[in-house]
Structures are given as C-alpha cells and as structure tokens.
PDB file of N, CA and C in Angstrom:
ATOM      1  N   MET A   1      98.856  87.150 -21.362  1.00  0.00           N
ATOM      2  CA  MET A   1      98.871  88.312 -22.209  1.00  0.00           C
ATOM      3  C   MET A   1      97.427  88.725 -22.485  1.00  0.00           C
ATOM      4  N   LYS A   2      97.167  89.996 -22.532  1.00  0.00           N
ATOM      5  CA  LYS A   2      95.855  90.527 -22.875  1.00  0.00           C
ATOM      6  C   LYS A   2      95.794  90.777 -24.378  1.00  0.00           C
ATOM      7  N   ILE A   3      94.783  90.184 -25.025  1.00  0.00           N
ATOM      8  CA  ILE A   3      94.677  90.254 -26.478  1.00  0.00           C
ATOM      9  C   ILE A   3      93.279  90.740 -26.869  1.00  0.00           C
ATOM     10  N   LEU A   4      93.232  91.689 -27.802  1.00  0.00           N
ATOM     11  CA  LEU A   4      91.990  92.201 -28.360  1.00  0.00           C
ATOM     12  C   LEU A   4      91.728  91.464 -29.675  1.00  0.00           C
ATOM     13  N   ILE A   5      90.534  90.888 -29.804  1.00  0.00           N
ATOM     14  CA  ILE A   5      90.175  90.127 -30.999  1.00  0.00           C
ATOM     15  C   ILE A   5      88.921  90.730 -31.616  1.00  0.00           C
ATOM     16  N   THR A   6      88.951  90.976 -32.902  1.00  0.00           N
ATOM     17  CA  THR A   6      87.741  91.315 -33.656  1.00  0.00           C
ATOM     18  C   THR A   6      87.460  90.126 -34.563  1.00  0.00           C
ATOM     19  N   GLY A   7      86.216  89.883 -34.850  1.00  0.00           N
ATOM     20  CA  GLY A   7      85.889  88.745 -35.708  1.00  0.00           C
ATOM     21  C   GLY A   7      86.012  87.416 -34.994  1.00  0.00           C
ATOM     22  N   SER A   8      85.768  87.390 -33.706  1.00  0.00           N
ATOM     23  CA  SER A   8      85.956  86.175 -32.913  1.00  0.00           C
ATOM     24  C   SER A   8      84.967  85.069 -33.253  1.00  0.00           C
ATOM     25  N   THR A   9      83.848  85.407 -33.893  1.00  0.00           N
ATOM     26  CA  THR A   9      82.869  84.385 -34.254  1.00  0.00           C
ATOM     27  C   THR A   9      83.001  83.936 -35.705  1.00  0.00           C
ATOM     28  N   GLY A  10      83.932  84.526 -36.436  1.00  0.00           N
ATOM     29  CA  GLY A  10      84.179  84.126 -37.822  1.00  0.00           C
ATOM     30  C   GLY A  10      85.090  82.908 -37.887  1.00  0.00           C
ATOM     31  N   PHE A  11      85.447  82.493 -39.074  1.00  0.00           N
ATOM     32  CA  PHE A  11      86.255  81.282 -39.276  1.00  0.00           C
ATOM     33  C   PHE A  11      87.589  81.350 -38.538  1.00  0.00           C
ATOM     34  N   VAL A  12      88.321  82.428 -38.742  1.00  0.00           N
ATOM     35  CA  VAL A  12      89.633  82.557 -38.098  1.00  0.00           C
ATOM     36  C   VAL A  12      89.467  82.645 -36.585  1.00  0.00           C
ATOM     37  N   GLY A  13      88.535  83.470 -36.125  1.00  0.00           N
ATOM     38  CA  GLY A  13      88.318  83.629 -34.688  1.00  0.00           C
ATOM     39  C   GLY A  13      87.934  82.341 -33.999  1.00  0.00           C
ATOM     40  N   ARG A  14      87.077  81.552 -34.617  1.00  0.00           N
ATOM     41  CA  ARG A  14      86.645  80.282 -34.016  1.00  0.00           C
ATOM     42  C   ARG A  14      87.800  79.305 -33.842  1.00  0.00           C
ATOM     43  N   ASN A  15      88.812  79.446 -34.655  1.00  0.00           N
ATOM     44  CA  ASN A  15      89.976  78.576 -34.534  1.00  0.00           C
ATOM     45  C   ASN A  15      91.066  79.179 -33.657  1.00  0.00           C
ATOM     46  N   LEU A  16      91.159  80.497 -33.648  1.00  0.00           N
ATOM     47  CA  LEU A  16      92.211  81.178 -32.903  1.00  0.00           C
ATOM     48  C   LEU A  16      91.881  81.344 -31.419  1.00  0.00           C
ATOM     49  N   VAL A  17      90.689  81.803 -31.108  1.00  0.00           N
ATOM     50  CA  VAL A  17      90.334  82.111 -29.721  1.00  0.00           C
ATOM     51  C   VAL A  17      90.483  80.904 -28.794  1.00  0.00           C
ATOM     52  N   PRO A  18      89.983  79.718 -29.145  1.00  0.00           N
ATOM     53  CA  PRO A  18      90.169  78.582 -28.232  1.00  0.00           C
ATOM     54  C   PRO A  18      91.643  78.258 -27.951  1.00  0.00           C
ATOM     55  N   LYS A  19      92.494  78.401 -28.951  1.00  0.00           N
ATOM     56  CA  LYS A  19      93.927  78.153 -28.737  1.00  0.00           C
ATOM     57  C   LYS A  19      94.526  79.185 -27.788  1.00  0.00           C
ATOM     58  N   LEU A  20      94.128  80.446 -27.955  1.00  0.00           N
ATOM     59  CA  LEU A  20      94.625  81.487 -27.062  1.00  0.00           C
ATOM     60  C   LEU A  20      94.130  81.265 -25.638  1.00  0.00           C
ATOM     61  N   LEU A  21      92.871  80.874 -25.495  1.00  0.00           N
ATOM     62  CA  LEU A  21      92.323  80.603 -24.165  1.00  0.00           C
ATOM     63  C   LEU A  21      93.022  79.414 -23.507  1.00  0.00           C
ATOM     64  N   ASN A  22      93.307  78.383 -24.287  1.00  0.00           N
ATOM     65  CA  ASN A  22      94.011  77.218 -23.739  1.00  0.00           C
ATOM     66  C   ASN A  22      95.421  77.574 -23.281  1.00  0.00           C
ATOM     67  N   ASN A  23      95.992  78.620 -23.867  1.00  0.00           N
ATOM     68  CA  ASN A  23      97.316  79.085 -23.464  1.00  0.00           C
ATOM     69  C   ASN A  23      97.239  80.170 -22.398  1.00  0.00           C
ATOM     70  N   LYS A  24      96.058  80.285 -21.765  1.00  0.00           N
ATOM     71  CA  LYS A  24      95.850  81.175 -20.610  1.00  0.00           C
ATOM     72  C   LYS A  24      95.920  82.668 -20.939  1.00  0.00           C
ATOM     73  N   HIS A  25      95.630  83.046 -22.177  1.00  0.00           N
ATOM     74  CA  HIS A  25      95.588  84.460 -22.535  1.00  0.00           C
ATOM     75  C   HIS A  25      94.241  85.048 -22.127  1.00  0.00           C
ATOM     76  N   ASP A  26      94.240  86.328 -21.827  1.00  0.00           N
ATOM     77  CA  ASP A  26      93.041  87.067 -21.455  1.00  0.00           C
ATOM     78  C   ASP A  26      92.528  87.754 -22.718  1.00  0.00           C
ATOM     79  N   ILE A  27      91.304  87.440 -23.131  1.00  0.00           N
ATOM     80  CA  ILE A  27      90.773  87.885 -24.417  1.00  0.00           C
ATOM     81  C   ILE A  27      89.642  88.893 -24.230  1.00  0.00           C
ATOM     82  N   LEU A  28      89.734  90.009 -24.942  1.00  0.00           N
ATOM     83  CA  LEU A  28      88.613  90.932 -25.105  1.00  0.00           C
ATOM     84  C   LEU A  28      88.161  90.794 -26.547  1.00  0.00           C
ATOM     85  N   GLU A  29      86.927  90.386 -26.726  1.00  0.00           N
ATOM     86  CA  GLU A  29      86.420  90.259 -28.099  1.00  0.00           C
ATOM     87  C   GLU A  29      85.414  91.361 -28.379  1.00  0.00           C
ATOM     88  N   LEU A  30      85.574  91.975 -29.530  1.00  0.00           N
ATOM     89  CA  LEU A  30      84.614  92.953 -30.028  1.00  0.00           C
ATOM     90  C   LEU A  30      83.712  92.198 -30.985  1.00  0.00           C
ATOM     91  N   THR A  31      82.423  92.154 -30.670  1.00  0.00           N
ATOM     92  CA  THR A  31      81.531  91.330 -31.473  1.00  0.00           C
ATOM     93  C   THR A  31      80.174  91.990 -31.666  1.00  0.00           C
ATOM     94  N   ILE A  32      79.520  91.631 -32.739  1.00  0.00           N
ATOM     95  CA  ILE A  32      78.120  92.004 -32.931  1.00  0.00           C
ATOM     96  C   ILE A  32      77.242  90.763 -32.776  1.00  0.00           C
ATOM     97  N   GLU A  33      77.863  89.605 -32.656  1.00  0.00           N
ATOM     98  CA  GLU A  33      77.173  88.317 -32.550  1.00  0.00           C
ATOM     99  C   GLU A  33      77.181  87.839 -31.095  1.00  0.00           C
ATOM    100  N   GLN A  34      76.450  88.514 -30.222  1.00  0.00           N
ATOM    101  CA  GLN A  34      76.482  88.208 -28.797  1.00  0.00           C
ATOM    102  C   GLN A  34      76.060  86.769 -28.497  1.00  0.00           C
ATOM    103  N   GLU A  35      74.950  86.315 -29.066  1.00  0.00           N
ATOM    104  CA  GLU A  35      74.468  84.960 -28.794  1.00  0.00           C
ATOM    105  C   GLU A  35      75.466  83.903 -29.253  1.00  0.00           C
ATOM    106  N   LEU A  36      76.003  84.071 -30.435  1.00  0.00           N
ATOM    107  CA  LEU A  36      76.970  83.107 -30.953  1.00  0.00           C
ATOM    108  C   LEU A  36      78.240  83.113 -30.116  1.00  0.00           C
ATOM    109  N   SER A  37      78.690  84.283 -29.737  1.00  0.00           N
ATOM    110  CA  SER A  37      79.872  84.394 -28.893  1.00  0.00           C
ATOM    111  C   SER A  37      79.658  83.668 -27.569  1.00  0.00           C
ATOM    112  N   GLU A  38      78.501  83.844 -26.970  1.00  0.00           N
ATOM    113  CA  GLU A  38      78.205  83.177 -25.706  1.00  0.00           C
ATOM    114  C   GLU A  38      78.129  81.668 -25.877  1.00  0.00           C
ATOM    115  N   GLN A  39      77.617  81.203 -27.027  1.00  0.00           N
ATOM    116  CA  GLN A  39      77.575  79.764 -27.303  1.00  0.00           C
ATOM    117  C   GLN A  39      78.989  79.198 -27.457  1.00  0.00           C
ATOM    118  N   LEU A  40      79.846  79.943 -28.139  1.00  0.00           N
ATOM    119  CA  LEU A  40      81.195  79.460 -28.414  1.00  0.00           C
ATOM    120  C   LEU A  40      82.123  79.528 -27.202  1.00  0.00           C
ATOM    121  N   TYR A  41      82.068  80.633 -26.472  1.00  0.00           N
ATOM    122  CA  TYR A  41      83.084  80.882 -25.444  1.00  0.00           C
ATOM    123  C   TYR A  41      82.512  81.036 -24.036  1.00  0.00           C
ATOM    124  N   VAL A  42      81.196  80.955 -23.893  1.00  0.00           N
ATOM    125  CA  VAL A  42      80.494  81.105 -22.613  1.00  0.00           C
ATOM    126  C   VAL A  42      81.007  82.363 -21.920  1.00  0.00           C
ATOM    127  N   ASP A  43      81.654  82.214 -20.793  1.00  0.00           N
ATOM    128  CA  ASP A  43      82.170  83.381 -20.066  1.00  0.00           C
ATOM    129  C   ASP A  43      83.692  83.370 -19.990  1.00  0.00           C
ATOM    130  N   ARG A  44      84.325  82.688 -20.932  1.00  0.00           N
ATOM    131  CA  ARG A  44      85.790  82.580 -20.913  1.00  0.00           C
ATOM    132  C   ARG A  44      86.477  83.808 -21.499  1.00  0.00           C
ATOM    133  N   THR A  45      85.714  84.693 -22.152  1.00  0.00           N
ATOM    134  CA  THR A  45      86.280  85.920 -22.716  1.00  0.00           C
ATOM    135  C   THR A  45      85.555  87.125 -22.140  1.00  0.00           C
ATOM    136  N   HIS A  46      86.198  88.279 -22.250  1.00  0.00           N
ATOM    137  CA  HIS A  46      85.520  89.544 -21.977  1.00  0.00           C
ATOM    138  C   HIS A  46      84.869  89.941 -23.289  1.00  0.00           C
ATOM    139  N   LYS A  47      83.631  90.394 -23.232  1.00  0.00           N
ATOM    140  CA  LYS A  47      82.922  90.724 -24.457  1.00  0.00           C
ATOM    141  C   LYS A  47      82.544  92.200 -24.479  1.00  0.00           C
ATOM    142  N   TYR A  48      82.708  92.819 -25.629  1.00  0.00           N
ATOM    143  CA  TYR A  48      82.158  94.143 -25.860  1.00  0.00           C
ATOM    144  C   TYR A  48      81.256  94.008 -27.068  1.00  0.00           C
ATOM    145  N   ILE A  49      79.977  94.258 -26.861  1.00  0.00           N
ATOM    146  CA  ILE A  49      79.017  94.171 -27.951  1.00  0.00           C
ATOM    147  C   ILE A  49      79.038  95.515 -28.686  1.00  0.00           C
ATOM    148  N   VAL A  50      79.478  95.472 -29.919  1.00  0.00           N
ATOM    149  CA  VAL A  50      79.699  96.682 -30.710  1.00  0.00           C
ATOM    150  C   VAL A  50      78.367  97.357 -31.037  1.00  0.00           C
ATOM    151  N   ASP A  51      78.339  98.658 -30.789  1.00  0.00           N
ATOM    152  CA  ASP A  51      77.205  99.490 -31.164  1.00  0.00           C
ATOM    153  C   ASP A  51      77.757 100.815 -31.683  1.00  0.00           C
ATOM    154  N   ASP A  52      76.968 101.852 -31.666  1.00  0.00           N
ATOM    155  CA  ASP A  52      77.406 103.133 -32.218  1.00  0.00           C
ATOM    156  C   ASP A  52      78.120 104.032 -31.209  1.00  0.00           C
ATOM    157  N   ASN A  53      78.309 103.576 -29.988  1.00  0.00           N
ATOM    158  CA  ASN A  53      78.907 104.400 -28.945  1.00  0.00           C
ATOM    159  C   ASN A  53      80.437 104.274 -28.982  1.00  0.00           C
ATOM    160  N   GLN A  54      81.079 105.130 -29.749  1.00  0.00           N
ATOM    161  CA  GLN A  54      82.528 105.052 -29.913  1.00  0.00           C
ATOM    162  C   GLN A  54      83.276 105.397 -28.629  1.00  0.00           C
ATOM    163  N   GLU A  55      82.736 106.320 -27.856  1.00  0.00           N
ATOM    164  CA  GLU A  55      83.397 106.706 -26.610  1.00  0.00           C
ATOM    165  C   GLU A  55      83.443 105.521 -25.635  1.00  0.00           C
ATOM    166  N   GLU A  56      82.347 104.786 -25.542  1.00  0.00           N
ATOM    167  CA  GLU A  56      82.303 103.614 -24.671  1.00  0.00           C
ATOM    168  C   GLU A  56      83.285 102.540 -25.151  1.00  0.00           C
ATOM    169  N   LEU A  57      83.373 102.363 -26.458  1.00  0.00           N
ATOM    170  CA  LEU A  57      84.309 101.400 -27.029  1.00  0.00           C
ATOM    171  C   LEU A  57      85.743 101.771 -26.676  1.00  0.00           C
ATOM    172  N   VAL A  58      86.102 103.024 -26.858  1.00  0.00           N
ATOM    173  CA  VAL A  58      87.454 103.483 -26.528  1.00  0.00           C
ATOM    174  C   VAL A  58      87.738 103.271 -25.042  1.00  0.00           C
ATOM    175  N   ASN A  59      86.781 103.608 -24.191  1.00  0.00           N
ATOM    176  CA  ASN A  59      86.959 103.416 -22.750  1.00  0.00           C
ATOM    177  C   ASN A  59      87.155 101.948 -22.397  1.00  0.00           C
ATOM    178  N   CYS A  60      86.388 101.077 -23.032  1.00  0.00           N
ATOM    179  CA  CYS A  60      86.502  99.641 -22.790  1.00  0.00           C
ATOM    180  C   CYS A  60      87.890  99.132 -23.166  1.00  0.00           C
ATOM    181  N   ILE A  61      88.373  99.549 -24.320  1.00  0.00           N
ATOM    182  CA  ILE A  61      89.697  99.102 -24.781  1.00  0.00           C
ATOM    183  C   ILE A  61      90.793  99.659 -23.884  1.00  0.00           C
ATOM    184  N   GLU A  62      90.679 100.923 -23.513  1.00  0.00           N
ATOM    185  CA  GLU A  62      91.688 101.522 -22.619  1.00  0.00           C
ATOM    186  C   GLU A  62      91.695 100.819 -21.274  1.00  0.00           C
ATOM    187  N   HIS A  63      90.527 100.504 -20.744  1.00  0.00           N
ATOM    188  CA  HIS A  63      90.435  99.830 -19.448  1.00  0.00           C
ATOM    189  C   HIS A  63      91.043  98.430 -19.518  1.00  0.00           C
ATOM    190  N   PHE A  64      90.760  97.697 -20.604  1.00  0.00           N
ATOM    191  CA  PHE A  64      91.305  96.347 -20.771  1.00  0.00           C
ATOM    192  C   PHE A  64      92.805  96.381 -20.968  1.00  0.00           C
ATOM    193  N   ASN A  65      93.282  97.401 -21.677  1.00  0.00           N
ATOM    194  CA  ASN A  65      94.718  97.614 -21.921  1.00  0.00           C
ATOM    195  C   ASN A  65      95.413  96.421 -22.571  1.00  0.00           C
ATOM    196  N   PRO A  66      94.981  96.097 -23.810  1.00  0.00           N
ATOM    197  CA  PRO A  66      95.604  94.938 -24.495  1.00  0.00           C
ATOM    198  C   PRO A  66      97.069  95.176 -24.829  1.00  0.00           C
TER     199      PRO A  66
END
C-alpha cells in the first residue's frame, strides 16, 4: 500500500514508519528534517523536502498516488 506520512521524524512517525516499512508498505514522507529523515530511514522511503513550492508538492503527491 502507498502511504503518505507527515511528521515522520516526530515521536509518532519514528514509531509508525518502521512498522509500515517492515510490512512492505511504500512510504512518501513530507519532511523539513532531511538529515534526520536520512539518518532514520536511509533510502527506505520516498522523501519530499517541504518548501514553499505548493505546485511541486501537489505534483509529487499526485505522482505518488497514495
């Protein structure tokens, strides 16, 4: 299943994302904490680093199709 996660580096995300990955789910995480995300999940998730470009964000989510 394709799942969109916000807050993946917070308390809930740190506990939820590994369980979803272990169950073979495909994760797109929206994050502002790129370094921390890479430390936690390496390349096991798709990452979108949030900035002010709303059009790019919408395109990314539509392409991923959670």
